Amino acid sequence: GLRVLLIGPVENPSAIGDKIRLAFSDGTHGPIREIQAGSGYRSQNGFVQVMGGLEDAVSVETIWPDGKRSVVPLEPGVKEITIRN
């Protein structure tokens, strides 16, 4: 899969609340993943997301918590990407 690390602004460096998904060569999109801090008592989610279906993926789409959208093209063979707001 593709490891995606998002770096948000100073007030939210872990990009909590951000949504990401892959876009594919046929025009379709994968499921949306949301960056969360935790989902239960004393829990902690990882901030790096591993996205599957990389074979046909052409870009990573992000929706930042402030509503800003960005699209980052993927180079062939890439396995890890860092996206900054």
PDB file of N, CA and C in Angstrom:
ATOM      1  N   GLY A   1       0.802  -1.192   0.000  1.00  0.00           N
ATOM      2  CA  GLY A   1       0.000   0.000   0.000  1.00  0.00           C
ATOM      3  C   GLY A   1       0.846   1.256   0.000  1.00  0.00           C
ATOM      4  N   LEU A   2       0.194   2.364  -0.019  1.00  0.00           N
ATOM      5  CA  LEU A   2       0.826   3.675   0.009  1.00  0.00           C
ATOM      6  C   LEU A   2       0.711   4.261   1.406  1.00  0.00           C
ATOM      7  N   ARG A   3       1.861   4.611   2.012  1.00  0.00           N
ATOM      8  CA  ARG A   3       1.865   5.267   3.319  1.00  0.00           C
ATOM      9  C   ARG A   3       1.692   6.768   3.100  1.00  0.00           C
ATOM     10  N   VAL A   4       0.667   7.346   3.739  1.00  0.00           N
ATOM     11  CA  VAL A   4       0.376   8.773   3.592  1.00  0.00           C
ATOM     12  C   VAL A   4       0.501   9.436   4.955  1.00  0.00           C
ATOM     13  N   LEU A   5       1.394  10.433   5.045  1.00  0.00           N
ATOM     14  CA  LEU A   5       1.553  11.231   6.256  1.00  0.00           C
ATOM     15  C   LEU A   5       1.147  12.656   5.922  1.00  0.00           C
ATOM     16  N   LEU A   6       0.233  13.187   6.711  1.00  0.00           N
ATOM     17  CA  LEU A   6      -0.222  14.568   6.523  1.00  0.00           C
ATOM     18  C   LEU A   6       0.355  15.440   7.617  1.00  0.00           C
ATOM     19  N   ILE A   7       0.817  16.613   7.242  1.00  0.00           N
ATOM     20  CA  ILE A   7       1.330  17.578   8.212  1.00  0.00           C
ATOM     21  C   ILE A   7       0.485  18.832   8.090  1.00  0.00           C
ATOM     22  N   GLY A   8      -0.221  19.132   9.153  1.00  0.00           N
ATOM     23  CA  GLY A   8      -1.118  20.278   9.150  1.00  0.00           C
ATOM     24  C   GLY A   8      -0.440  21.546   9.628  1.00  0.00           C
ATOM     25  N   PRO A   9      -1.216  22.598   9.834  1.00  0.00           N
ATOM     26  CA  PRO A   9      -0.673  23.872  10.305  1.00  0.00           C
ATOM     27  C   PRO A   9      -0.213  23.780  11.766  1.00  0.00           C
ATOM     28  N   VAL A  10       0.393  24.833  12.259  1.00  0.00           N
ATOM     29  CA  VAL A  10       0.965  24.851  13.615  1.00  0.00           C
ATOM     30  C   VAL A  10      -0.074  24.463  14.671  1.00  0.00           C
ATOM     31  N   GLU A  11      -1.295  24.930  14.530  1.00  0.00           N
ATOM     32  CA  GLU A  11      -2.321  24.643  15.537  1.00  0.00           C
ATOM     33  C   GLU A  11      -2.884  23.216  15.445  1.00  0.00           C
ATOM     34  N   ASN A  12      -2.576  22.485  14.380  1.00  0.00           N
ATOM     35  CA  ASN A  12      -3.042  21.107  14.205  1.00  0.00           C
ATOM     36  C   ASN A  12      -2.010  20.327  13.367  1.00  0.00           C
ATOM     37  N   PRO A  13      -0.803  20.132  13.897  1.00  0.00           N
ATOM     38  CA  PRO A  13       0.266  19.522  13.100  1.00  0.00           C
ATOM     39  C   PRO A  13      -0.002  18.077  12.681  1.00  0.00           C
ATOM     40  N   SER A  14      -0.848  17.369  13.419  1.00  0.00           N
ATOM     41  CA  SER A  14      -1.164  15.980  13.070  1.00  0.00           C
ATOM     42  C   SER A  14      -2.297  15.867  12.064  1.00  0.00           C
ATOM     43  N   ALA A  15      -2.857  16.996  11.651  1.00  0.00           N
ATOM     44  CA  ALA A  15      -3.926  17.058  10.648  1.00  0.00           C
ATOM     45  C   ALA A  15      -5.178  16.284  11.073  1.00  0.00           C
ATOM     46  N   ILE A  16      -5.485  16.317  12.356  1.00  0.00           N
ATOM     47  CA  ILE A  16      -6.674  15.625  12.862  1.00  0.00           C
ATOM     48  C   ILE A  16      -7.913  16.250  12.232  1.00  0.00           C
ATOM     49  N   GLY A  17      -8.787  15.408  11.702  1.00  0.00           N
ATOM     50  CA  GLY A  17      -9.993  15.862  11.028  1.00  0.00           C
ATOM     51  C   GLY A  17      -9.850  15.907   9.520  1.00  0.00           C
ATOM     52  N   ASP A  18      -8.653  15.721   9.019  1.00  0.00           N
ATOM     53  CA  ASP A  18      -8.415  15.717   7.581  1.00  0.00           C
ATOM     54  C   ASP A  18      -8.979  14.434   6.965  1.00  0.00           C
ATOM     55  N   LYS A  19      -9.416  14.548   5.735  1.00  0.00           N
ATOM     56  CA  LYS A  19      -9.935  13.383   5.009  1.00  0.00           C
ATOM     57  C   LYS A  19      -9.066  13.159   3.772  1.00  0.00           C
ATOM     58  N   ILE A  20      -8.739  11.893   3.507  1.00  0.00           N
ATOM     59  CA  ILE A  20      -7.915  11.561   2.340  1.00  0.00           C
ATOM     60  C   ILE A  20      -8.532  10.395   1.592  1.00  0.00           C
ATOM     61  N   ARG A  21      -8.261  10.356   0.283  1.00  0.00           N
ATOM     62  CA  ARG A  21      -8.686   9.217  -0.533  1.00  0.00           C
ATOM     63  C   ARG A  21      -7.817   9.181  -1.790  1.00  0.00           C
ATOM     64  N   LEU A  22      -7.765   8.020  -2.393  1.00  0.00           N
ATOM     65  CA  LEU A  22      -7.022   7.846  -3.638  1.00  0.00           C
ATOM     66  C   LEU A  22      -7.949   8.070  -4.828  1.00  0.00           C
ATOM     67  N   ALA A  23      -7.401   8.633  -5.883  1.00  0.00           N
ATOM     68  CA  ALA A  23      -8.116   8.751  -7.160  1.00  0.00           C
ATOM     69  C   ALA A  23      -7.434   7.809  -8.137  1.00  0.00           C
ATOM     70  N   PHE A  24      -8.231   7.127  -8.951  1.00  0.00           N
ATOM     71  CA  PHE A  24      -7.708   6.107  -9.854  1.00  0.00           C
ATOM     72  C   PHE A  24      -7.763   6.545 -11.312  1.00  0.00           C
ATOM     73  N   SER A  25      -7.025   5.840 -12.153  1.00  0.00           N
ATOM     74  CA  SER A  25      -6.891   6.205 -13.565  1.00  0.00           C
ATOM     75  C   SER A  25      -8.213   6.156 -14.326  1.00  0.00           C
ATOM     76  N   ASP A  26      -9.178   5.365 -13.856  1.00  0.00           N
ATOM     77  CA  ASP A  26     -10.463   5.273 -14.550  1.00  0.00           C
ATOM     78  C   ASP A  26     -11.468   6.334 -14.096  1.00  0.00           C
ATOM     79  N   GLY A  27     -11.023   7.279 -13.237  1.00  0.00           N
ATOM     80  CA  GLY A  27     -11.896   8.360 -12.780  1.00  0.00           C
ATOM     81  C   GLY A  27     -12.632   8.081 -11.486  1.00  0.00           C
ATOM     82  N   THR A  28     -12.495   6.889 -10.943  1.00  0.00           N
ATOM     83  CA  THR A  28     -13.164   6.565  -9.682  1.00  0.00           C
ATOM     84  C   THR A  28     -12.275   6.941  -8.501  1.00  0.00           C
ATOM     85  N   HIS A  29     -12.862   6.874  -7.306  1.00  0.00           N
ATOM     86  CA  HIS A  29     -12.146   7.210  -6.075  1.00  0.00           C
ATOM     87  C   HIS A  29     -12.300   6.084  -5.070  1.00  0.00           C
ATOM     88  N   GLY A  30     -11.313   5.962  -4.206  1.00  0.00           N
ATOM     89  CA  GLY A  30     -11.377   4.993  -3.121  1.00  0.00           C
ATOM     90  C   GLY A  30     -12.158   5.561  -1.951  1.00  0.00           C
ATOM     91  N   PRO A  31     -12.299   4.772  -0.897  1.00  0.00           N
ATOM     92  CA  PRO A  31     -13.022   5.251   0.276  1.00  0.00           C
ATOM     93  C   PRO A  31     -12.263   6.378   0.969  1.00  0.00           C
ATOM     94  N   ILE A  32     -13.008   7.230   1.644  1.00  0.00           N
ATOM     95  CA  ILE A  32     -12.411   8.337   2.392  1.00  0.00           C
ATOM     96  C   ILE A  32     -11.952   7.822   3.748  1.00  0.00           C
ATOM     97  N   ARG A  33     -10.741   8.235   4.124  1.00  0.00           N
ATOM     98  CA  ARG A  33     -10.218   7.959   5.456  1.00  0.00           C
ATOM     99  C   ARG A  33     -10.110   9.284   6.197  1.00  0.00           C
ATOM    100  N   GLU A  34     -10.483   9.302   7.457  1.00  0.00           N
ATOM    101  CA  GLU A  34     -10.378  10.513   8.267  1.00  0.00           C
ATOM    102  C   GLU A  34      -9.310  10.313   9.335  1.00  0.00           C
ATOM    103  N   ILE A  35      -8.455  11.304   9.511  1.00  0.00           N
ATOM    104  CA  ILE A  35      -7.428  11.250  10.546  1.00  0.00           C
ATOM    105  C   ILE A  35      -8.098  11.551  11.881  1.00  0.00           C
ATOM    106  N   GLN A  36      -7.956  10.631  12.829  1.00  0.00           N
ATOM    107  CA  GLN A  36      -8.575  10.779  14.138  1.00  0.00           C
ATOM    108  C   GLN A  36      -7.519  10.644  15.226  1.00  0.00           C
ATOM    109  N   ALA A  37      -7.765  11.282  16.365  1.00  0.00           N
ATOM    110  CA  ALA A  37      -6.820  11.211  17.479  1.00  0.00           C
ATOM    111  C   ALA A  37      -6.992   9.916  18.273  1.00  0.00           C
ATOM    112  N   GLY A  38      -8.198   9.430  18.369  1.00  0.00           N
ATOM    113  CA  GLY A  38      -8.470   8.220  19.142  1.00  0.00           C
ATOM    114  C   GLY A  38      -9.941   7.885  19.042  1.00  0.00           C
ATOM    115  N   SER A  39     -10.268   6.641  19.341  1.00  0.00           N
ATOM    116  CA  SER A  39     -11.665   6.239  19.185  1.00  0.00           C
ATOM    117  C   SER A  39     -12.252   5.635  20.448  1.00  0.00           C
ATOM    118  N   GLY A  40     -11.559   5.714  21.543  1.00  0.00           N
ATOM    119  CA  GLY A  40     -12.076   5.164  22.790  1.00  0.00           C
ATOM    120  C   GLY A  40     -11.199   5.555  23.958  1.00  0.00           C
ATOM    121  N   TYR A  41     -11.565   5.102  25.103  1.00  0.00           N
ATOM    122  CA  TYR A  41     -10.853   5.419  26.331  1.00  0.00           C
ATOM    123  C   TYR A  41      -9.407   4.951  26.244  1.00  0.00           C
ATOM    124  N   ARG A  42      -8.475   5.868  26.451  1.00  0.00           N
ATOM    125  CA  ARG A  42      -7.035   5.593  26.438  1.00  0.00           C
ATOM    126  C   ARG A  42      -6.557   4.979  25.116  1.00  0.00           C
ATOM    127  N   SER A  43      -7.178   5.358  24.030  1.00  0.00           N
ATOM    128  CA  SER A  43      -6.750   4.841  22.728  1.00  0.00           C
ATOM    129  C   SER A  43      -6.026   5.929  21.950  1.00  0.00           C
ATOM    130  N   GLN A  44      -5.237   5.522  20.973  1.00  0.00           N
ATOM    131  CA  GLN A  44      -4.514   6.451  20.118  1.00  0.00           C
ATOM    132  C   GLN A  44      -4.425   5.833  18.735  1.00  0.00           C
ATOM    133  N   ASN A  45      -4.916   6.535  17.745  1.00  0.00           N
ATOM    134  CA  ASN A  45      -4.823   6.068  16.369  1.00  0.00           C
ATOM    135  C   ASN A  45      -3.504   6.528  15.764  1.00  0.00           C
ATOM    136  N   GLY A  46      -3.000   5.778  14.803  1.00  0.00           N
ATOM    137  CA  GLY A  46      -1.808   6.199  14.085  1.00  0.00           C
ATOM    138  C   GLY A  46      -2.147   7.324  13.123  1.00  0.00           C
ATOM    139  N   PHE A  47      -1.220   8.247  12.948  1.00  0.00           N
ATOM    140  CA  PHE A  47      -1.462   9.367  12.046  1.00  0.00           C
ATOM    141  C   PHE A  47      -1.058   9.046  10.608  1.00  0.00           C
ATOM    142  N   VAL A  48      -0.249   8.014  10.409  1.00  0.00           N
ATOM    143  CA  VAL A  48       0.112   7.588   9.057  1.00  0.00           C
ATOM    144  C   VAL A  48      -0.949   6.601   8.583  1.00  0.00           C
ATOM    145  N   GLN A  49      -1.531   6.875   7.422  1.00  0.00           N
ATOM    146  CA  GLN A  49      -2.548   5.995   6.842  1.00  0.00           C
ATOM    147  C   GLN A  49      -1.914   5.148   5.746  1.00  0.00           C
ATOM    148  N   VAL A  50      -2.261   3.873   5.691  1.00  0.00           N
ATOM    149  CA  VAL A  50      -1.792   2.995   4.620  1.00  0.00           C
ATOM    150  C   VAL A  50      -2.979   2.743   3.706  1.00  0.00           C
ATOM    151  N   MET A  51      -2.863   3.248   2.489  1.00  0.00           N
ATOM    152  CA  MET A  51      -3.948   3.168   1.517  1.00  0.00           C
ATOM    153  C   MET A  51      -3.684   2.004   0.565  1.00  0.00           C
ATOM    154  N   GLY A  52      -4.687   1.175   0.327  1.00  0.00           N
ATOM    155  CA  GLY A  52      -4.555   0.048  -0.590  1.00  0.00           C
ATOM    156  C   GLY A  52      -4.985   0.413  -2.000  1.00  0.00           C
ATOM    157  N   GLY A  53      -4.802  -0.503  -2.929  1.00  0.00           N
ATOM    158  CA  GLY A  53      -5.224  -0.294  -4.307  1.00  0.00           C
ATOM    159  C   GLY A  53      -4.306   0.624  -5.077  1.00  0.00           C
ATOM    160  N   LEU A  54      -3.042   0.593  -4.739  1.00  0.00           N
ATOM    161  CA  LEU A  54      -2.075   1.513  -5.313  1.00  0.00           C
ATOM    162  C   LEU A  54      -1.800   1.273  -6.792  1.00  0.00           C
ATOM    163  N   GLU A  55      -2.096   0.083  -7.302  1.00  0.00           N
ATOM    164  CA  GLU A  55      -1.751  -0.267  -8.685  1.00  0.00           C
ATOM    165  C   GLU A  55      -2.286   0.727  -9.704  1.00  0.00           C
ATOM    166  N   ASP A  56      -3.519   1.183  -9.540  1.00  0.00           N
ATOM    167  CA  ASP A  56      -4.158   2.073 -10.512  1.00  0.00           C
ATOM    168  C   ASP A  56      -4.301   3.508 -10.005  1.00  0.00           C
ATOM    169  N   ALA A  57      -3.749   3.813  -8.826  1.00  0.00           N
ATOM    170  CA  ALA A  57      -3.911   5.147  -8.247  1.00  0.00           C
ATOM    171  C   ALA A  57      -3.055   6.160  -8.995  1.00  0.00           C
ATOM    172  N   VAL A  58      -3.642   7.345  -9.236  1.00  0.00           N
ATOM    173  CA  VAL A  58      -2.913   8.415  -9.930  1.00  0.00           C
ATOM    174  C   VAL A  58      -2.693   9.637  -9.049  1.00  0.00           C
ATOM    175  N   SER A  59      -3.473   9.767  -7.960  1.00  0.00           N
ATOM    176  CA  SER A  59      -3.297  10.916  -7.076  1.00  0.00           C
ATOM    177  C   SER A  59      -3.919  10.647  -5.708  1.00  0.00           C
ATOM    178  N   VAL A  60      -3.518  11.494  -4.754  1.00  0.00           N
ATOM    179  CA  VAL A  60      -4.104  11.486  -3.413  1.00  0.00           C
ATOM    180  C   VAL A  60      -4.869  12.793  -3.261  1.00  0.00           C
ATOM    181  N   GLU A  61      -6.136  12.704  -2.885  1.00  0.00           N
ATOM    182  CA  GLU A  61      -6.956  13.887  -2.665  1.00  0.00           C
ATOM    183  C   GLU A  61      -7.109  14.098  -1.164  1.00  0.00           C
ATOM    184  N   THR A  62      -6.969  15.340  -0.731  1.00  0.00           N
ATOM    185  CA  THR A  62      -7.130  15.656   0.681  1.00  0.00           C
ATOM    186  C   THR A  62      -8.153  16.769   0.853  1.00  0.00           C
ATOM    187  N   ILE A  63      -8.910  16.657   1.929  1.00  0.00           N
ATOM    188  CA  ILE A  63      -9.815  17.728   2.351  1.00  0.00           C
ATOM    189  C   ILE A  63      -9.388  18.077   3.767  1.00  0.00           C
ATOM    190  N   TRP A  64      -8.773  19.250   3.924  1.00  0.00           N
ATOM    191  CA  TRP A  64      -8.265  19.690   5.213  1.00  0.00           C
ATOM    192  C   TRP A  64      -9.427  20.131   6.100  1.00  0.00           C
ATOM    193  N   PRO A  65      -9.240  20.134   7.419  1.00  0.00           N
ATOM    194  CA  PRO A  65     -10.327  20.525   8.330  1.00  0.00           C
ATOM    195  C   PRO A  65     -10.918  21.908   8.049  1.00  0.00           C
ATOM    196  N   ASP A  66     -10.128  22.811   7.445  1.00  0.00           N
ATOM    197  CA  ASP A  66     -10.652  24.147   7.131  1.00  0.00           C
ATOM    198  C   ASP A  66     -11.418  24.183   5.805  1.00  0.00           C
ATOM    199  N   GLY A  67     -11.567  23.013   5.141  1.00  0.00           N
ATOM    200  CA  GLY A  67     -12.315  22.927   3.893  1.00  0.00           C
ATOM    201  C   GLY A  67     -11.463  23.020   2.645  1.00  0.00           C
ATOM    202  N   LYS A  68     -10.202  23.388   2.786  1.00  0.00           N
ATOM    203  CA  LYS A  68      -9.290  23.471   1.645  1.00  0.00           C
ATOM    204  C   LYS A  68      -9.072  22.080   1.054  1.00  0.00           C
ATOM    205  N   ARG A  69      -9.094  22.000  -0.267  1.00  0.00           N
ATOM    206  CA  ARG A  69      -8.878  20.719  -0.966  1.00  0.00           C
ATOM    207  C   ARG A  69      -7.562  20.782  -1.719  1.00  0.00           C
ATOM    208  N   SER A  70      -6.895  19.633  -1.792  1.00  0.00           N
ATOM    209  CA  SER A  70      -5.674  19.556  -2.590  1.00  0.00           C
ATOM    210  C   SER A  70      -5.587  18.190  -3.250  1.00  0.00           C
ATOM    211  N   VAL A  71      -4.925  18.162  -4.396  1.00  0.00           N
ATOM    212  CA  VAL A  71      -4.705  16.924  -5.140  1.00  0.00           C
ATOM    213  C   VAL A  71      -3.204  16.823  -5.410  1.00  0.00           C
ATOM    214  N   VAL A  72      -2.619  15.708  -4.984  1.00  0.00           N
ATOM    215  CA  VAL A  72      -1.188  15.490  -5.175  1.00  0.00           C
ATOM    216  C   VAL A  72      -1.014  14.294  -6.105  1.00  0.00           C
ATOM    217  N   PRO A  73      -0.429  14.504  -7.295  1.00  0.00           N
ATOM    218  CA  PRO A  73      -0.213  13.388  -8.218  1.00  0.00           C
ATOM    219  C   PRO A  73       0.793  12.385  -7.654  1.00  0.00           C
ATOM    220  N   LEU A  74       0.603  11.131  -7.997  1.00  0.00           N
ATOM    221  CA  LEU A  74       1.509  10.077  -7.551  1.00  0.00           C
ATOM    222  C   LEU A  74       2.452   9.682  -8.683  1.00  0.00           C
ATOM    223  N   GLU A  75       3.710   9.568  -8.360  1.00  0.00           N
ATOM    224  CA  GLU A  75       4.685   9.088  -9.325  1.00  0.00           C
ATOM    225  C   GLU A  75       4.681   7.564  -9.302  1.00  0.00           C
ATOM    226  N   PRO A  76       4.939   6.911 -10.432  1.00  0.00           N
ATOM    227  CA  PRO A  76       4.971   5.443 -10.466  1.00  0.00           C
ATOM    228  C   PRO A  76       5.989   4.882  -9.472  1.00  0.00           C
ATOM    229  N   GLY A  77       5.580   3.861  -8.755  1.00  0.00           N
ATOM    230  CA  GLY A  77       6.467   3.177  -7.824  1.00  0.00           C
ATOM    231  C   GLY A  77       6.597   3.803  -6.455  1.00  0.00           C
ATOM    232  N   VAL A  78       5.950   4.936  -6.215  1.00  0.00           N
ATOM    233  CA  VAL A  78       6.054   5.586  -4.911  1.00  0.00           C
ATOM    234  C   VAL A  78       5.337   4.730  -3.860  1.00  0.00           C
ATOM    235  N   LYS A  79       5.938   4.614  -2.677  1.00  0.00           N
ATOM    236  CA  LYS A  79       5.357   3.821  -1.596  1.00  0.00           C
ATOM    237  C   LYS A  79       5.024   4.659  -0.365  1.00  0.00           C
ATOM    238  N   GLU A  80       5.541   5.903  -0.338  1.00  0.00           N
ATOM    239  CA  GLU A  80       5.300   6.782   0.807  1.00  0.00           C
ATOM    240  C   GLU A  80       5.262   8.220   0.334  1.00  0.00           C
ATOM    241  N   ILE A  81       4.327   8.990   0.919  1.00  0.00           N
ATOM    242  CA  ILE A  81       4.198  10.388   0.529  1.00  0.00           C
ATOM    243  C   ILE A  81       3.860  11.214   1.758  1.00  0.00           C
ATOM    244  N   THR A  82       4.428  12.424   1.836  1.00  0.00           N
ATOM    245  CA  THR A  82       4.119  13.369   2.894  1.00  0.00           C
ATOM    246  C   THR A  82       3.463  14.577   2.243  1.00  0.00           C
ATOM    247  N   ILE A  83       2.312  14.968   2.768  1.00  0.00           N
ATOM    248  CA  ILE A  83       1.561  16.095   2.223  1.00  0.00           C
ATOM    249  C   ILE A  83       1.445  17.149   3.309  1.00  0.00           C
ATOM    250  N   ARG A  84       1.814  18.382   2.974  1.00  0.00           N
ATOM    251  CA  ARG A  84       1.739  19.494   3.922  1.00  0.00           C
ATOM    252  C   ARG A  84       0.617  20.449   3.527  1.00  0.00           C
ATOM    253  N   ASN A  85      -0.065  20.961   4.548  1.00  0.00           N
ATOM    254  CA  ASN A  85      -1.108  21.946   4.314  1.00  0.00           C
ATOM    255  C   ASN A  85      -0.493  23.311   4.160  1.00  0.00           C
TER     256      ASN A  85
END
